[in-house]
Amino acid sequence: MNLNISFLCDRDTTNVPKSQVGFIGGFIIPTYNYLVVMFPTLSYTIENAKNNLNTWQKLADEGRKKGWTPEKKKNTKNNFSKEKNNEHKKKERILKRKTNVVEIKID
């Protein structure tokens, strides 16, 4: 497909602990706060999310202290080389030939 990798999905350039801190703090915990208003018995989920946030925050802080820097690959457009992509397409064609489709009509 030759599509660009989304900036938060690139394994080689994304600081996972930092992105998790942002996701949990900016989306998960606020969502759980509203959820608990509707379903008070789920209040434990906020505590679990906060514990998870603290764990990721510690990892992010450790990474900052160690000077974490992402390593960029030369080709960040996709993880498949042209050769691997062609192999994948060839295997797909073989599988399509081997697969028999049976149509069953139910009246």
C-alpha atoms as a PDB file:
ATOM      1  CA  MET A   1       0.000   0.000   0.000  1.00  0.00           C
ATOM      2  CA  ASN A   2       3.030   2.232   0.443  1.00  0.00           C
ATOM      3  CA  LEU A   3       1.395   4.434   3.102  1.00  0.00           C
ATOM      4  CA  ASN A   4       3.238   6.614   5.580  1.00  0.00           C
ATOM      5  CA  ILE A   5       3.377   5.367   9.151  1.00  0.00           C
ATOM      6  CA  SER A   6       1.402   7.487  11.593  1.00  0.00           C
ATOM      7  CA  PHE A   7       3.784   9.385  13.891  1.00  0.00           C
ATOM      8  CA  LEU A   8       2.553   7.628  17.058  1.00  0.00           C
ATOM      9  CA  CYS A   9       2.629   4.179  15.445  1.00  0.00           C
ATOM     10  CA  ASP A  10       6.260   4.195  14.321  1.00  0.00           C
ATOM     11  CA  ARG A  11       8.107   1.753  16.593  1.00  0.00           C
ATOM     12  CA  ASP A  12      11.433   3.401  15.889  1.00  0.00           C
ATOM     13  CA  THR A  13      10.576   7.033  16.569  1.00  0.00           C
ATOM     14  CA  THR A  14       7.779   6.998  19.155  1.00  0.00           C
ATOM     15  CA  ASN A  15       8.598   7.483  22.816  1.00  0.00           C
ATOM     16  CA  VAL A  16       6.047   4.954  24.081  1.00  0.00           C
ATOM     17  CA  PRO A  17       6.141   5.899  27.791  1.00  0.00           C
ATOM     18  CA  LYS A  18       5.626   9.573  26.948  1.00  0.00           C
ATOM     19  CA  SER A  19       2.772   8.853  24.536  1.00  0.00           C
ATOM     20  CA  GLN A  20       1.102   6.554  27.088  1.00  0.00           C
ATOM     21  CA  VAL A  21       1.260   9.292  29.720  1.00  0.00           C
ATOM     22  CA  GLY A  22      -0.477  11.674  27.340  1.00  0.00           C
ATOM     23  CA  PHE A  23      -3.112   9.121  26.295  1.00  0.00           C
ATOM     24  CA  ILE A  24      -3.965   7.945  29.814  1.00  0.00           C
ATOM     25  CA  GLY A  25      -3.943  11.443  31.312  1.00  0.00           C
ATOM     26  CA  GLY A  26      -5.746  13.136  28.447  1.00  0.00           C
ATOM     27  CA  PHE A  27      -8.263  10.509  27.426  1.00  0.00           C
ATOM     28  CA  ILE A  28      -8.569   7.473  29.705  1.00  0.00           C
ATOM     29  CA  ILE A  29      -8.857   9.128  33.127  1.00  0.00           C
ATOM     30  CA  PRO A  30     -11.304  11.868  31.983  1.00  0.00           C
ATOM     31  CA  THR A  31     -13.424   9.193  30.265  1.00  0.00           C
ATOM     32  CA  TYR A  32     -13.419   7.026  33.379  1.00  0.00           C
ATOM     33  CA  ASN A  33     -14.452  10.033  35.478  1.00  0.00           C
ATOM     34  CA  TYR A  34     -17.619  10.385  33.379  1.00  0.00           C
ATOM     35  CA  LEU A  35     -18.149   6.623  33.402  1.00  0.00           C
ATOM     36  CA  VAL A  36     -18.046   6.533  37.213  1.00  0.00           C
ATOM     37  CA  VAL A  37     -20.700   9.268  37.402  1.00  0.00           C
ATOM     38  CA  MET A  38     -23.048   6.928  35.513  1.00  0.00           C
ATOM     39  CA  PHE A  39     -21.824   3.696  37.132  1.00  0.00           C
ATOM     40  CA  PRO A  40     -20.415   4.415  40.627  1.00  0.00           C
ATOM     41  CA  THR A  41     -19.440   0.781  41.215  1.00  0.00           C
ATOM     42  CA  LEU A  42     -16.700   1.246  38.583  1.00  0.00           C
ATOM     43  CA  SER A  43     -14.807   3.769  40.710  1.00  0.00           C
ATOM     44  CA  TYR A  44     -11.910   1.318  41.060  1.00  0.00           C
ATOM     45  CA  THR A  45     -11.107   1.845  37.360  1.00  0.00           C
ATOM     46  CA  ILE A  46      -9.944   5.396  38.058  1.00  0.00           C
ATOM     47  CA  GLU A  47      -7.512   4.171  40.706  1.00  0.00           C
ATOM     48  CA  ASN A  48      -6.199   1.488  38.342  1.00  0.00           C
ATOM     49  CA  ALA A  49      -5.762   4.053  35.567  1.00  0.00           C
ATOM     50  CA  LYS A  50      -3.919   6.408  37.918  1.00  0.00           C
ATOM     51  CA  ASN A  51      -1.601   3.581  39.005  1.00  0.00           C
ATOM     52  CA  ASN A  52      -0.970   2.770  35.357  1.00  0.00           C
ATOM     53  CA  LEU A  53      -0.310   6.453  34.629  1.00  0.00           C
ATOM     54  CA  ASN A  54       2.218   6.614  37.493  1.00  0.00           C
ATOM     55  CA  THR A  55       4.049   3.549  36.156  1.00  0.00           C
ATOM     56  CA  TRP A  56       4.302   5.023  32.654  1.00  0.00           C
ATOM     57  CA  GLN A  57       5.327   8.404  34.103  1.00  0.00           C
ATOM     58  CA  LYS A  58       8.239   6.765  35.963  1.00  0.00           C
ATOM     59  CA  LEU A  59       9.354   5.080  32.738  1.00  0.00           C
ATOM     60  CA  ALA A  60       9.080   8.384  30.860  1.00  0.00           C
ATOM     61  CA  ASP A  61      11.123  10.170  33.558  1.00  0.00           C
ATOM     62  CA  GLU A  62      13.804   7.449  33.452  1.00  0.00           C
ATOM     63  CA  GLY A  63      13.977   7.802  29.685  1.00  0.00           C
ATOM     64  CA  ARG A  64      14.408  11.563  29.963  1.00  0.00           C
ATOM     65  CA  LYS A  65      17.222  11.144  32.516  1.00  0.00           C
ATOM     66  CA  LYS A  66      19.000   8.652  30.261  1.00  0.00           C
ATOM     67  CA  GLY A  67      18.621  10.956  27.267  1.00  0.00           C
ATOM     68  CA  TRP A  68      16.244   8.778  25.279  1.00  0.00           C
ATOM     69  CA  THR A  69      16.371   9.586  21.601  1.00  0.00           C
ATOM     70  CA  PRO A  70      14.468   7.767  18.894  1.00  0.00           C
ATOM     71  CA  GLU A  71      16.410   5.929  16.221  1.00  0.00           C
ATOM     72  CA  LYS A  72      15.020   6.642  12.785  1.00  0.00           C
ATOM     73  CA  LYS A  73      15.140   4.080  10.029  1.00  0.00           C
ATOM     74  CA  LYS A  74      16.152   5.189   6.567  1.00  0.00           C
ATOM     75  CA  ASN A  75      12.793   4.142   5.127  1.00  0.00           C
ATOM     76  CA  THR A  76       9.994   5.132   7.485  1.00  0.00           C
ATOM     77  CA  LYS A  77       7.341   4.946   4.762  1.00  0.00           C
ATOM     78  CA  ASN A  78       6.565   1.317   5.577  1.00  0.00           C
ATOM     79  CA  ASN A  79       8.131  -1.717   7.215  1.00  0.00           C
ATOM     80  CA  PHE A  80       8.148  -3.809   4.042  1.00  0.00           C
ATOM     81  CA  SER A  81      10.881  -3.627   1.490  1.00  0.00           C
ATOM     82  CA  LYS A  82       9.723  -3.975  -2.107  1.00  0.00           C
ATOM     83  CA  GLU A  83      11.029  -7.549  -2.154  1.00  0.00           C
ATOM     84  CA  LYS A  84       9.099  -8.545   0.997  1.00  0.00           C
ATOM     85  CA  ASN A  85       6.005  -6.792  -0.297  1.00  0.00           C
ATOM     86  CA  ASN A  86       6.192  -8.760  -3.567  1.00  0.00           C
ATOM     87  CA  GLU A  87       6.635 -12.013  -1.600  1.00  0.00           C
ATOM     88  CA  HIS A  88       3.559 -11.146   0.442  1.00  0.00           C
ATOM     89  CA  LYS A  89       1.488 -10.490  -2.686  1.00  0.00           C
ATOM     90  CA  LYS A  90       2.672 -13.758  -4.255  1.00  0.00           C
ATOM     91  CA  LYS A  91       1.633 -15.721  -1.128  1.00  0.00           C
ATOM     92  CA  GLU A  92      -1.757 -13.969  -1.184  1.00  0.00           C
ATOM     93  CA  ARG A  93      -2.316 -15.034  -4.814  1.00  0.00           C
ATOM     94  CA  ILE A  94      -1.369 -18.642  -4.001  1.00  0.00           C
ATOM     95  CA  LEU A  95      -3.753 -18.694  -1.030  1.00  0.00           C
ATOM     96  CA  LYS A  96      -6.569 -17.311  -3.157  1.00  0.00           C
ATOM     97  CA  ARG A  97      -6.034 -20.097  -5.696  1.00  0.00           C
ATOM     98  CA  LYS A  98      -5.984 -22.785  -2.997  1.00  0.00           C
ATOM     99  CA  THR A  99      -9.123 -21.515  -1.260  1.00  0.00           C
ATOM    100  CA  ASN A 100     -12.403 -22.964  -2.463  1.00  0.00           C
ATOM    101  CA  VAL A 101     -15.473 -20.923  -1.703  1.00  0.00           C
ATOM    102  CA  VAL A 102     -18.708 -22.825  -1.171  1.00  0.00           C
ATOM    103  CA  GLU A 103     -21.929 -20.859  -1.263  1.00  0.00           C
ATOM    104  CA  ILE A 104     -24.793 -22.242   0.776  1.00  0.00           C
ATOM    105  CA  LYS A 105     -28.270 -20.908   0.218  1.00  0.00           C
ATOM    106  CA  ILE A 106     -30.762 -21.209   3.025  1.00  0.00           C
ATOM    107  CA  ASP A 107     -34.426 -20.827   2.112  1.00  0.00           C
END
